[in-house]
């Protein structure tokens, strides 16, 4: 397939992913406000931390999800790939994993929730019920992984976007039910989320069976194939465990030192960050199959071009959203939530700064996984990421405020980025000097300029106090960001490309 055809496919898939992102962002921000007010700060924080214990066990599934999509994309990139065999083996493995996580959650997890967690004692009966529903939801999501990976590997982003419409409509329905029924709302919330998970899984199965001819289940007894898949995913476990560790592990440490009220603040911050990250996720998910297929074809020129552009544009897309948001974050939180938990503002700031760094790393680790050489990489990167846990715990013991734990995470992300670049220079001969010159340096200059403006706004208290002030300040700050991007972030060729595309878009609208 020609490079021009691949670029058009990426553009089309990106468009569908952005449709999905916009819908999810709007609904998730709305639902967060309603759920917080409907459940109350204590129940909202309780659900976030109890559900987080179940998520702790999904690092196994996360490793398999990454491996499954990589293997399916790799098979599709080969001239004679055997997709049904790979898919079927992955389904078998995920079913087994679901039962492994069931055992772990019903033993270690159940003990931890009832003995070690700082939870309201008068709500323990309900907490144990929502824990059980969270386990079932987790098992369904694990078994769904091969079907999701199949759709993404085949680049069927339109269906992926349409299914998100169904998902958010179901969640809006959950809000209506929560506000109308006079029952225990925390318990009902957990039950309804499980129902949504099951119905979504059913739709995935039907679509794969009807629309994807090479996604079909066949009996696989090839032990060598299972060993190959599990060997790759076995090393991926280190990375998935580390990811869960620095996310849910730090949340649990926050709970141990500050209680469920601070977990509500963390939950709100994570939801805002998740909504904003949809902009970048849509772009990167459209590119990831191409990165893997370029590795399968050993097309280094195409691969390098994708890495450079994906890393740079992911950061620039993210900064366009986060900077105007962060400048007036206090007003946005008050407008959105009314009264919000203490430290929410500071935690949001540091979580989103960390997410900015991780957008640069996304294409790097996807490419490393595409090579299949992940043993040493996962050992080193996992050890680095897991430093979040002891350092955050020590910080809590020394009286560090909760947002300080997320500042530690930012420092670790910087180290992880350097390590990933070094691995790619060894695996695919990535030119680190060129990457630093054309990606890191312009992005760093943009970050410094915007940080200076942000500090000035905060120091002189020039944040918005009314909706109209918020609107025109957002427009001004967005213009500032765009000027930085065009003047600093893009090369001459990239500026010409962007200007040409915008002009063509305007002409097509007026003609």
Protein backbone atom coordinates (compact mmCIF):
# COMPACT_ATOMS: atom_id res chain seq x y z
CA UNK A 1 0.00 0.00 0.00
CA UNK A 2 1.35 3.49 -0.92
CA UNK A 3 2.45 6.01 1.67
CA UNK A 4 -0.18 8.47 0.37
CA UNK A 5 -2.88 5.86 0.89
CA UNK A 6 -1.60 5.17 4.41
CA UNK A 7 -1.63 8.91 5.20
CA UNK A 8 -5.23 9.22 4.01
CA UNK A 9 -6.20 6.24 6.15
CA UNK A 10 -4.49 7.83 9.18
CA UNK A 11 -6.33 11.12 8.54
CA UNK A 12 -9.68 9.34 8.22
CA UNK A 13 -9.10 7.25 11.34
CA UNK A 14 -7.95 10.32 13.27
CA UNK A 15 -11.18 12.09 12.32
CA UNK A 16 -13.28 9.24 13.69
CA UNK A 17 -11.20 9.09 16.87
CA UNK A 18 -11.69 12.84 17.39
CA UNK A 19 -15.46 12.44 16.97
CA UNK A 20 -15.27 9.81 19.67
CA UNK A 21 -13.06 12.00 21.84
CA UNK A 22 -15.27 15.09 21.69
CA UNK A 23 -18.34 13.11 22.69
CA UNK A 24 -16.58 11.29 25.53
CA UNK A 25 -15.02 14.51 26.83
CA UNK A 26 -18.30 16.43 26.97
CA UNK A 27 -20.28 13.59 28.53
CA UNK A 28 -17.56 12.58 31.01
CA UNK A 29 -17.22 16.14 32.30
CA UNK A 30 -20.98 16.41 32.68
CA UNK A 31 -21.39 13.00 34.29
CA UNK A 32 -18.53 13.62 36.72
CA UNK A 33 -20.33 16.65 38.13
CA UNK A 34 -23.66 14.82 38.45
CA UNK A 35 -22.13 11.65 39.91
CA UNK A 36 -20.13 13.64 42.47
CA UNK A 37 -23.21 15.55 43.60
CA UNK A 38 -25.50 12.51 43.48
CA UNK A 39 -23.21 10.12 45.34
CA UNK A 40 -21.64 12.72 47.60
CA UNK A 41 -17.94 13.33 48.18
CA UNK A 42 -17.48 10.33 50.51
CA UNK A 43 -19.23 7.74 48.30
CA UNK A 44 -17.55 9.13 45.16
CA UNK A 45 -14.12 8.79 46.77
CA UNK A 46 -15.04 5.34 48.11
CA UNK A 47 -15.98 4.04 44.65
CA UNK A 48 -12.78 5.38 43.11
CA UNK A 49 -10.51 3.74 45.67
CA UNK A 50 -12.40 0.40 45.93
CA UNK A 51 -12.58 0.09 42.14
CA UNK A 52 -8.88 0.94 42.09
CA UNK A 53 -8.07 -2.15 44.14
CA UNK A 54 -9.61 -4.32 41.40
CA UNK A 55 -7.69 -2.37 38.76
CA UNK A 56 -4.50 -3.29 40.64
CA UNK A 57 -4.97 -6.85 39.43
CA UNK A 58 -5.55 -5.91 35.79
CA UNK A 59 -1.87 -5.30 35.08
CA UNK A 60 -1.85 -8.87 33.75
CA UNK A 61 -4.65 -8.03 31.33
CA UNK A 62 -3.03 -4.73 30.32
CA UNK A 63 0.12 -6.58 29.32
CA UNK A 64 -1.90 -9.03 27.24
CA UNK A 65 -3.90 -6.18 25.62
CA UNK A 66 -0.71 -4.51 24.41
CA UNK A 67 0.68 -7.82 23.20
CA UNK A 68 -2.54 -8.85 21.48
CA UNK A 69 -2.81 -5.67 19.43
CA UNK A 70 0.86 -5.84 18.57
CA UNK A 71 0.64 -9.46 17.36
CA UNK A 72 -2.54 -8.88 15.33
CA UNK A 73 -1.14 -5.70 13.71
CA UNK A 74 2.12 -7.52 12.99
CA UNK A 75 0.28 -10.41 11.31
CA UNK A 76 -1.71 -7.94 9.19
CA UNK A 77 1.56 -6.25 8.15
CA UNK A 78 3.03 -9.55 6.93
CA UNK A 79 2.37 -10.81 3.42
CA UNK A 80 1.13 -14.19 4.72
CA UNK A 81 -0.10 -13.54 8.24
CA UNK A 82 -2.32 -16.05 10.06
CA UNK A 83 -4.71 -13.75 11.93
CA UNK A 84 -7.40 -16.33 13.01
CA UNK A 85 -4.83 -18.48 14.80
CA UNK A 86 -3.31 -15.54 16.70
CA UNK A 87 -6.76 -14.19 17.61
CA UNK A 88 -8.03 -17.54 18.89
CA UNK A 89 -4.95 -18.16 21.01
CA UNK A 90 -5.32 -14.69 22.53
CA UNK A 91 -8.99 -15.34 23.37
CA UNK A 92 -8.06 -18.56 25.20
CA UNK A 93 -5.32 -16.79 27.14
CA UNK A 94 -7.61 -13.94 28.17
CA UNK A 95 -10.32 -16.27 29.43
CA UNK A 96 -7.73 -17.97 31.64
CA UNK A 97 -6.45 -14.57 32.81
CA UNK A 98 -9.96 -13.50 33.81
CA UNK A 99 -10.19 -16.44 36.20
CA UNK A 100 -6.69 -15.81 37.56
CA UNK A 101 -7.68 -12.23 38.41
CA UNK A 102 -10.91 -13.52 39.97
CA UNK A 103 -8.86 -15.67 42.35
CA UNK A 104 -6.46 -12.84 43.20
CA UNK A 105 -9.27 -10.33 43.75
CA UNK A 106 -11.28 -12.70 45.96
CA UNK A 107 -8.29 -13.48 48.19
CA UNK A 108 -5.60 -10.81 48.42
CA UNK A 109 -7.84 -7.98 47.20
CA UNK A 110 -10.76 -8.84 49.48
CA UNK A 111 -8.44 -8.99 52.50
CA UNK A 112 -6.85 -5.65 51.59
CA UNK A 113 -10.21 -3.88 51.22
CA UNK A 114 -11.58 -5.17 54.53
CA UNK A 115 -8.43 -5.00 56.66
CA UNK A 116 -6.02 -2.38 55.33
CA UNK A 117 -8.08 0.28 53.55
CA UNK A 118 -9.14 3.53 55.25
CA UNK A 119 -12.88 3.20 54.46
CA UNK A 120 -16.13 4.22 56.24
CA UNK A 121 -16.99 1.39 58.65
CA UNK A 122 -20.74 2.00 58.42
CA UNK A 123 -20.61 1.35 54.65
CA UNK A 124 -18.61 -1.88 54.60
CA UNK A 125 -21.56 -4.08 53.54
CA UNK A 126 -22.20 -1.90 50.50
CA UNK A 127 -18.46 -1.56 49.82
CA UNK A 128 -18.09 -5.35 49.63
CA UNK A 129 -20.98 -5.57 47.18
CA UNK A 130 -19.57 -2.90 44.86
CA UNK A 131 -16.22 -4.67 45.11
CA UNK A 132 -17.84 -7.87 43.77
CA UNK A 133 -19.53 -6.02 40.91
CA UNK A 134 -16.23 -4.34 40.09
CA UNK A 135 -14.58 -7.78 39.87
CA UNK A 136 -17.23 -9.04 37.43
CA UNK A 137 -16.90 -5.89 35.32
CA UNK A 138 -13.13 -6.35 35.30
CA UNK A 139 -13.44 -9.99 34.11
CA UNK A 140 -15.72 -8.98 31.24
CA UNK A 141 -13.33 -6.20 30.17
CA UNK A 142 -10.42 -8.68 30.17
CA UNK A 143 -12.19 -11.17 27.90
CA UNK A 144 -13.19 -8.26 25.62
CA UNK A 145 -9.53 -7.30 25.01
CA UNK A 146 -8.87 -9.53 21.92
CA UNK A 147 -12.02 -8.22 20.23
CA UNK A 148 -11.07 -4.58 20.87
CA UNK A 149 -7.53 -5.29 19.65
CA UNK A 150 -8.92 -6.89 16.48
CA UNK A 151 -11.00 -3.80 15.65
CA UNK A 152 -8.09 -1.40 16.29
CA UNK A 153 -5.63 -3.57 14.35
CA UNK A 154 -7.98 -3.58 11.37
CA UNK A 155 -8.24 0.22 11.80
CA UNK A 156 -12.05 0.16 12.02
CA UNK A 157 -12.05 3.44 13.91
CA UNK A 158 -15.53 4.41 12.67
CA UNK A 159 -17.13 1.51 14.55
CA UNK A 160 -14.94 2.24 17.56
CA UNK A 161 -16.25 5.83 17.52
CA UNK A 162 -19.88 4.80 17.03
CA UNK A 163 -19.72 2.35 19.90
CA UNK A 164 -18.49 5.19 22.10
CA UNK A 165 -21.73 7.03 21.30
CA UNK A 166 -23.64 4.03 22.60
CA UNK A 167 -21.42 3.88 25.68
CA UNK A 168 -21.91 7.52 26.64
CA UNK A 169 -25.67 7.33 26.01
CA UNK A 170 -25.83 4.39 28.39
CA UNK A 171 -23.90 6.37 31.00
CA UNK A 172 -26.29 9.28 30.62
CA UNK A 173 -29.08 6.77 31.22
CA UNK A 174 -27.28 5.69 34.40
CA UNK A 175 -27.31 9.31 35.62
CA UNK A 176 -31.05 9.59 35.02
CA UNK A 177 -31.70 6.37 36.94
CA UNK A 178 -29.43 7.48 39.82
CA UNK A 179 -31.30 10.76 40.17
CA UNK A 180 -34.80 9.22 40.04
CA UNK A 181 -34.63 5.99 42.10
CA UNK A 182 -34.64 6.19 45.90
CA UNK A 183 -32.18 3.36 46.61
CA UNK A 184 -28.56 3.11 47.72
CA UNK A 185 -27.04 5.11 44.87
CA UNK A 186 -23.48 3.81 45.31
CA UNK A 187 -24.60 0.18 44.99
CA UNK A 188 -26.89 0.98 42.05
CA UNK A 189 -24.06 2.84 40.29
CA UNK A 190 -21.78 -0.22 40.47
CA UNK A 191 -24.55 -2.54 39.18
CA UNK A 192 -25.42 -0.31 36.22
CA UNK A 193 -21.78 0.09 35.18
CA UNK A 194 -21.50 -3.71 35.09
CA UNK A 195 -24.58 -3.90 32.84
CA UNK A 196 -23.04 -1.36 30.43
CA UNK A 197 -19.79 -3.37 30.34
CA UNK A 198 -21.62 -6.61 29.49
CA UNK A 199 -23.74 -5.10 26.72
CA UNK A 200 -20.72 -3.36 25.17
CA UNK A 201 -18.82 -6.66 25.14
CA UNK A 202 -21.75 -8.36 23.40
CA UNK A 203 -21.73 -5.73 20.63
CA UNK A 204 -17.97 -6.20 20.13
CA UNK A 205 -18.44 -9.94 19.65
CA UNK A 206 -21.28 -9.51 17.14
CA UNK A 207 -19.35 -6.93 15.09
CA UNK A 208 -16.18 -9.04 14.89
CA UNK A 209 -18.18 -12.09 13.88
CA UNK A 210 -20.14 -10.27 11.13
CA UNK A 211 -17.68 -7.67 9.76
CA UNK A 212 -14.16 -9.09 10.19
CA UNK A 213 -13.77 -12.24 8.10
CA UNK A 214 -10.36 -13.19 9.51
CA UNK A 215 -11.49 -12.74 13.14
CA UNK A 216 -12.96 -16.13 13.91
CA UNK A 217 -12.41 -18.65 16.64
CA UNK A 218 -10.57 -21.86 15.81
CA UNK A 219 -9.20 -24.52 18.13
CA UNK A 220 -5.53 -23.97 18.89
CA UNK A 221 -3.37 -26.61 20.58
CA UNK A 222 -0.01 -25.29 19.42
CA UNK A 223 1.92 -25.05 22.68
CA UNK A 224 4.81 -23.25 20.93
CA UNK A 225 2.44 -20.46 19.87
CA UNK A 226 1.10 -20.09 23.40
CA UNK A 227 4.66 -19.96 24.77
CA UNK A 228 5.57 -17.30 22.19
CA UNK A 229 2.57 -15.12 23.06
CA UNK A 230 2.98 -15.58 26.79
CA UNK A 231 6.72 -14.95 26.61
CA UNK A 232 6.17 -11.56 24.99
CA UNK A 233 3.32 -10.70 27.35
CA UNK A 234 5.22 -12.10 30.31
CA UNK A 235 7.86 -9.41 29.91
CA UNK A 236 5.13 -6.86 29.22
CA UNK A 237 3.80 -7.68 32.71
CA UNK A 238 6.61 -5.62 34.20
CA UNK A 239 5.44 -2.52 32.36
CA UNK A 240 1.77 -3.08 33.12
CA UNK A 241 2.49 -3.72 36.79
CA UNK A 242 4.53 -0.53 36.91
CA UNK A 243 1.74 1.46 35.23
CA UNK A 244 -0.81 0.21 37.73
CA UNK A 245 1.70 0.83 40.52
CA UNK A 246 2.29 4.51 39.77
CA UNK A 247 -1.42 5.14 39.14
CA UNK A 248 -3.50 3.07 41.56
CA UNK A 249 -0.61 2.50 43.96
CA UNK A 250 -0.12 6.22 44.52
CA UNK A 251 -3.90 6.62 44.91
CA UNK A 252 -3.84 4.03 47.67
CA UNK A 253 -0.91 5.80 49.35
CA UNK A 254 -2.94 9.04 49.20
CA UNK A 255 -5.80 7.14 50.88
CA UNK A 256 -3.53 5.82 53.64
CA UNK A 257 -2.28 9.32 54.52
CA UNK A 258 -5.26 11.57 53.68
CA UNK A 259 -8.47 9.43 53.56
CA UNK A 260 -11.28 9.08 51.00
CA UNK A 261 -11.88 12.85 50.69
CA UNK A 262 -8.54 13.23 48.91
CA UNK A 263 -9.34 10.19 46.75
CA UNK A 264 -12.36 12.16 45.52
CA UNK A 265 -9.98 14.97 44.52
CA UNK A 266 -7.72 12.48 42.73
CA UNK A 267 -10.75 10.92 41.03
CA UNK A 268 -11.89 14.31 39.70
CA UNK A 269 -8.35 15.18 38.54
CA UNK A 270 -8.03 11.84 36.74
CA UNK A 271 -11.38 12.31 35.01
CA UNK A 272 -10.39 15.76 33.75
CA UNK A 273 -7.05 14.40 32.57
CA UNK A 274 -8.75 11.42 30.93
CA UNK A 275 -11.13 13.73 29.05
CA UNK A 276 -8.27 15.94 27.83
CA UNK A 277 -6.12 12.93 26.91
CA UNK A 278 -8.82 11.78 24.50
CA UNK A 279 -7.51 14.40 22.05
CA UNK A 280 -4.09 12.75 21.98
CA UNK A 281 -5.32 9.18 22.33
CA UNK A 282 -7.42 9.50 19.18
CA UNK A 283 -4.42 10.72 17.20
CA UNK A 284 -2.03 8.08 18.56
CA UNK A 285 -4.46 5.16 18.20
CA UNK A 286 -4.87 6.06 14.53
CA UNK A 287 -1.08 5.90 14.11
CA UNK A 288 -0.20 2.87 16.26
CA UNK A 289 -1.19 0.14 13.74
CA UNK A 290 0.91 1.94 11.10
CA UNK A 291 3.92 2.02 13.45
CA UNK A 292 3.67 -1.74 14.02
CA UNK A 293 3.09 -2.52 10.36
CA UNK A 294 6.08 -0.34 9.37
CA UNK A 295 8.22 -2.46 11.72
CA UNK A 296 6.83 -5.68 10.23
CA UNK A 297 7.74 -4.41 6.72
CA UNK A 298 11.12 -3.03 8.00
CA UNK A 299 10.27 0.32 6.39
CA UNK A 300 12.65 2.46 8.49
CA UNK A 301 12.08 5.71 6.58
CA UNK A 302 8.33 5.53 7.13
CA UNK A 303 8.84 4.42 10.73
CA UNK A 304 11.16 7.32 11.64
CA UNK A 305 8.82 9.85 10.04
CA UNK A 306 5.86 8.48 12.02
CA UNK A 307 7.80 8.51 15.33
CA UNK A 308 8.99 12.11 14.96
CA UNK A 309 5.65 13.51 13.85
CA UNK A 310 3.55 11.47 16.27
CA UNK A 311 5.63 12.48 19.31
CA UNK A 312 5.71 16.16 18.35
CA UNK A 313 2.08 16.56 17.29
CA UNK A 314 0.81 14.56 20.27
CA UNK A 315 2.44 17.07 22.61
CA UNK A 316 1.24 20.08 20.58
CA UNK A 317 -2.34 18.79 20.50
CA UNK A 318 -2.22 18.21 24.24
CA UNK A 319 -0.76 21.63 25.06
CA UNK A 320 -3.46 23.36 22.98
CA UNK A 321 -6.04 21.93 25.37
CA UNK A 322 -4.24 21.84 28.70
CA UNK A 323 -2.72 25.33 28.77
CA UNK A 324 -5.96 27.37 28.41
CA UNK A 325 -7.56 24.91 30.85
CA UNK A 326 -4.83 25.18 33.50
CA UNK A 327 -4.67 29.00 33.43
CA UNK A 328 -8.29 29.23 34.63
CA UNK A 329 -8.56 25.84 36.33
CA UNK A 330 -10.01 27.20 39.59
CA UNK A 331 -12.84 28.96 37.73
CA UNK A 332 -13.52 25.88 35.58
CA UNK A 333 -13.73 23.64 38.65
CA UNK A 334 -16.12 26.07 40.38
CA UNK A 335 -18.25 26.40 37.24
CA UNK A 336 -18.28 22.65 36.67
CA UNK A 337 -18.56 21.27 40.21
CA UNK A 338 -19.46 24.17 42.47
CA UNK A 339 -17.65 23.23 45.68
CA UNK A 340 -14.83 20.79 45.00
CA UNK A 341 -12.49 18.80 47.29
CA UNK A 342 -9.33 20.41 48.65
CA UNK A 343 -6.12 20.00 46.58
CA UNK A 344 -8.11 19.16 43.40
CA UNK A 345 -6.59 22.17 41.60
CA UNK A 346 -2.98 21.30 42.46
CA UNK A 347 -3.40 17.58 41.75
CA UNK A 348 -4.97 18.39 38.34
CA UNK A 349 -2.02 20.61 37.47
CA UNK A 350 0.66 18.00 38.18
CA UNK A 351 -1.28 15.08 36.69
CA UNK A 352 -1.73 16.97 33.40
CA UNK A 353 1.90 18.10 33.31
CA UNK A 354 2.88 14.44 33.65
CA UNK A 355 0.45 13.51 30.88
CA UNK A 356 2.13 16.08 28.60
CA UNK A 357 5.44 14.25 29.04
CA UNK A 358 3.86 10.86 28.43
CA UNK A 359 2.37 11.98 25.10
CA UNK A 360 5.94 12.24 23.76
CA UNK A 361 6.74 8.72 24.98
CA UNK A 362 3.65 7.03 23.48
CA UNK A 363 5.02 6.43 19.94
CA UNK A 364 8.40 5.41 21.42
CA UNK A 365 7.14 2.51 23.52
CA UNK A 366 4.72 1.39 20.79
CA UNK A 367 7.69 1.11 18.42
CA UNK A 368 9.77 -0.74 21.02
CA UNK A 369 6.94 -3.25 21.46
CA UNK A 370 6.65 -3.60 17.68
CA UNK A 371 10.25 -4.83 17.53
CA UNK A 372 9.41 -7.62 20.00
CA UNK A 373 12.66 -6.94 21.93
CA UNK A 374 11.11 -6.00 25.25
CA UNK A 375 12.80 -8.16 27.90
CA UNK A 376 15.56 -5.79 29.04
CA UNK A 377 13.46 -2.72 28.26
CA UNK A 378 10.60 -3.82 30.49
CA UNK A 379 12.86 -4.74 33.39
CA UNK A 380 14.53 -1.31 33.36
CA UNK A 381 11.49 0.87 32.61
CA UNK A 382 9.34 -0.97 35.17
CA UNK A 383 11.96 -0.52 37.89
CA UNK A 384 12.07 3.21 37.10
CA UNK A 385 8.28 3.67 37.15
CA UNK A 386 7.86 1.68 40.36
CA UNK A 387 10.08 4.19 42.14
CA UNK A 388 6.86 6.21 42.42
CA UNK A 389 5.67 3.95 45.26
CA UNK A 390 8.56 4.10 47.76
CA UNK A 391 9.26 7.77 47.01
CA UNK A 392 5.59 8.73 47.45
CA UNK A 393 5.33 6.72 50.67
CA UNK A 394 8.47 8.35 52.07
CA UNK A 395 7.08 11.74 51.03
CA UNK A 396 3.84 11.00 52.88
CA UNK A 397 5.78 10.01 56.00
CA UNK A 398 7.75 13.27 55.82
CA UNK A 399 4.56 15.34 55.58
CA UNK A 400 4.57 16.00 51.83
CA UNK A 401 1.23 17.40 50.54
CA UNK A 402 -0.68 15.04 48.21
CA UNK A 403 0.16 16.95 45.02
CA UNK A 404 3.86 16.52 45.83
CA UNK A 405 3.48 12.80 45.07
CA UNK A 406 2.48 13.71 41.51
CA UNK A 407 5.47 16.02 41.19
CA UNK A 408 7.65 12.98 41.95
CA UNK A 409 5.88 11.20 39.11
CA UNK A 410 6.81 13.96 36.64
CA UNK A 411 10.51 13.59 37.49
CA UNK A 412 10.29 9.83 36.93
CA UNK A 413 8.54 10.35 33.57
CA UNK A 414 11.49 12.46 32.39
CA UNK A 415 13.91 9.66 33.27
CA UNK A 416 11.66 7.11 31.51
CA UNK A 417 11.62 9.24 28.31
CA UNK A 418 15.43 9.31 28.20
CA UNK A 419 15.58 5.53 28.69
CA UNK A 420 13.08 4.88 25.87
CA UNK A 421 15.08 7.03 23.46
CA UNK A 422 18.24 5.08 24.28
CA UNK A 423 16.53 1.77 23.61
CA UNK A 424 15.20 2.95 20.24
CA UNK A 425 18.66 4.15 19.23
CA UNK A 426 19.85 0.56 19.76
CA UNK A 427 16.86 -1.26 18.26
CA UNK A 428 16.07 0.74 15.10
CA UNK A 429 19.03 3.17 14.97
CA UNK A 430 16.86 6.16 15.93
CA UNK A 431 18.97 9.32 15.71
CA UNK A 432 18.66 10.80 19.21
CA UNK A 433 20.36 14.05 18.23
CA UNK A 434 17.79 14.65 15.50
CA UNK A 435 14.97 13.71 17.89
CA UNK A 436 16.28 16.19 20.46
CA UNK A 437 16.67 18.90 17.81
CA UNK A 438 13.36 18.52 15.97
CA UNK A 439 11.10 17.26 18.79
CA UNK A 440 12.41 17.85 22.32
CA UNK A 441 14.05 21.28 21.88
CA UNK A 442 11.10 23.14 20.27
CA UNK A 443 8.66 21.52 22.70
CA UNK A 444 10.83 22.51 25.66
CA UNK A 445 11.03 26.13 24.48
CA UNK A 446 7.22 26.22 24.11
CA UNK A 447 6.87 24.77 27.62
CA UNK A 448 9.20 27.41 29.11
CA UNK A 449 7.40 30.31 27.38
CA UNK A 450 3.94 29.11 28.42
CA UNK A 451 5.12 28.36 31.97
CA UNK A 452 6.35 31.95 32.28
CA UNK A 453 2.97 33.29 31.16
CA UNK A 454 1.13 30.86 33.50
CA UNK A 455 3.22 31.92 36.52
CA UNK A 456 2.62 35.60 35.70
CA UNK A 457 -1.16 35.07 35.48
CA UNK A 458 -1.22 33.20 38.80
CA UNK A 459 1.09 35.67 40.58
CA UNK A 460 -0.92 38.76 39.60
CA UNK A 461 -4.25 36.87 40.05
CA UNK A 462 -5.46 37.57 36.51
CA UNK A 463 -7.67 34.49 36.34
CA UNK A 464 -11.26 34.71 35.11
CA UNK A 465 -14.01 35.61 37.59
CA UNK A 466 -16.95 35.49 35.19
CA UNK A 467 -18.01 33.42 32.21
CA UNK A 468 -17.34 36.21 29.71
CA UNK A 469 -13.86 36.76 31.17
CA UNK A 470 -13.25 33.03 30.89
CA UNK A 471 -14.32 33.00 27.21
CA UNK A 472 -12.13 35.89 26.05
CA UNK A 473 -9.17 34.81 28.21
CA UNK A 474 -9.41 31.29 26.76
CA UNK A 475 -9.39 32.75 23.24
CA UNK A 476 -6.36 34.93 24.05
CA UNK A 477 -4.41 32.05 25.59
CA UNK A 478 -5.31 29.75 22.70
CA UNK A 479 -3.97 32.34 20.25
CA UNK A 480 -0.76 32.53 22.32
CA UNK A 481 -0.40 28.74 22.15
CA UNK A 482 -1.00 28.69 18.39
CA UNK A 483 1.60 31.44 17.86
CA UNK A 484 4.11 29.40 19.89
CA UNK A 485 3.30 26.27 17.89
CA UNK A 486 3.60 27.96 14.49
CA UNK A 487 6.67 30.02 15.41
CA UNK A 488 8.59 27.52 17.57
CA UNK A 489 7.06 24.04 17.38
CA UNK A 490 6.87 23.47 13.62
CA UNK A 491 9.58 23.36 11.00
CA UNK A 492 9.31 25.49 7.85
CA UNK A 493 7.99 22.53 5.86
CA UNK A 494 5.45 21.64 8.56
CA UNK A 495 4.20 25.25 8.70
CA UNK A 496 3.68 25.28 4.93
CA UNK A 497 1.85 21.96 5.17
CA UNK A 498 -0.47 23.21 7.96
CA UNK A 499 -1.20 26.55 6.25
CA UNK A 500 -1.94 24.81 2.94
CA UNK A 501 -4.33 22.35 4.60
CA UNK A 502 -6.15 25.17 6.42
CA UNK A 503 -6.46 27.21 3.20
CA UNK A 504 -7.82 24.20 1.30
CA UNK A 505 -10.30 23.53 4.09
CA UNK A 506 -11.54 27.14 4.03
CA UNK A 507 -11.86 27.10 0.23
CA UNK A 508 -13.82 23.84 0.30
CA UNK A 509 -16.24 25.35 2.83
CA UNK A 510 -16.84 28.53 0.82
CA UNK A 511 -17.01 26.97 -2.65
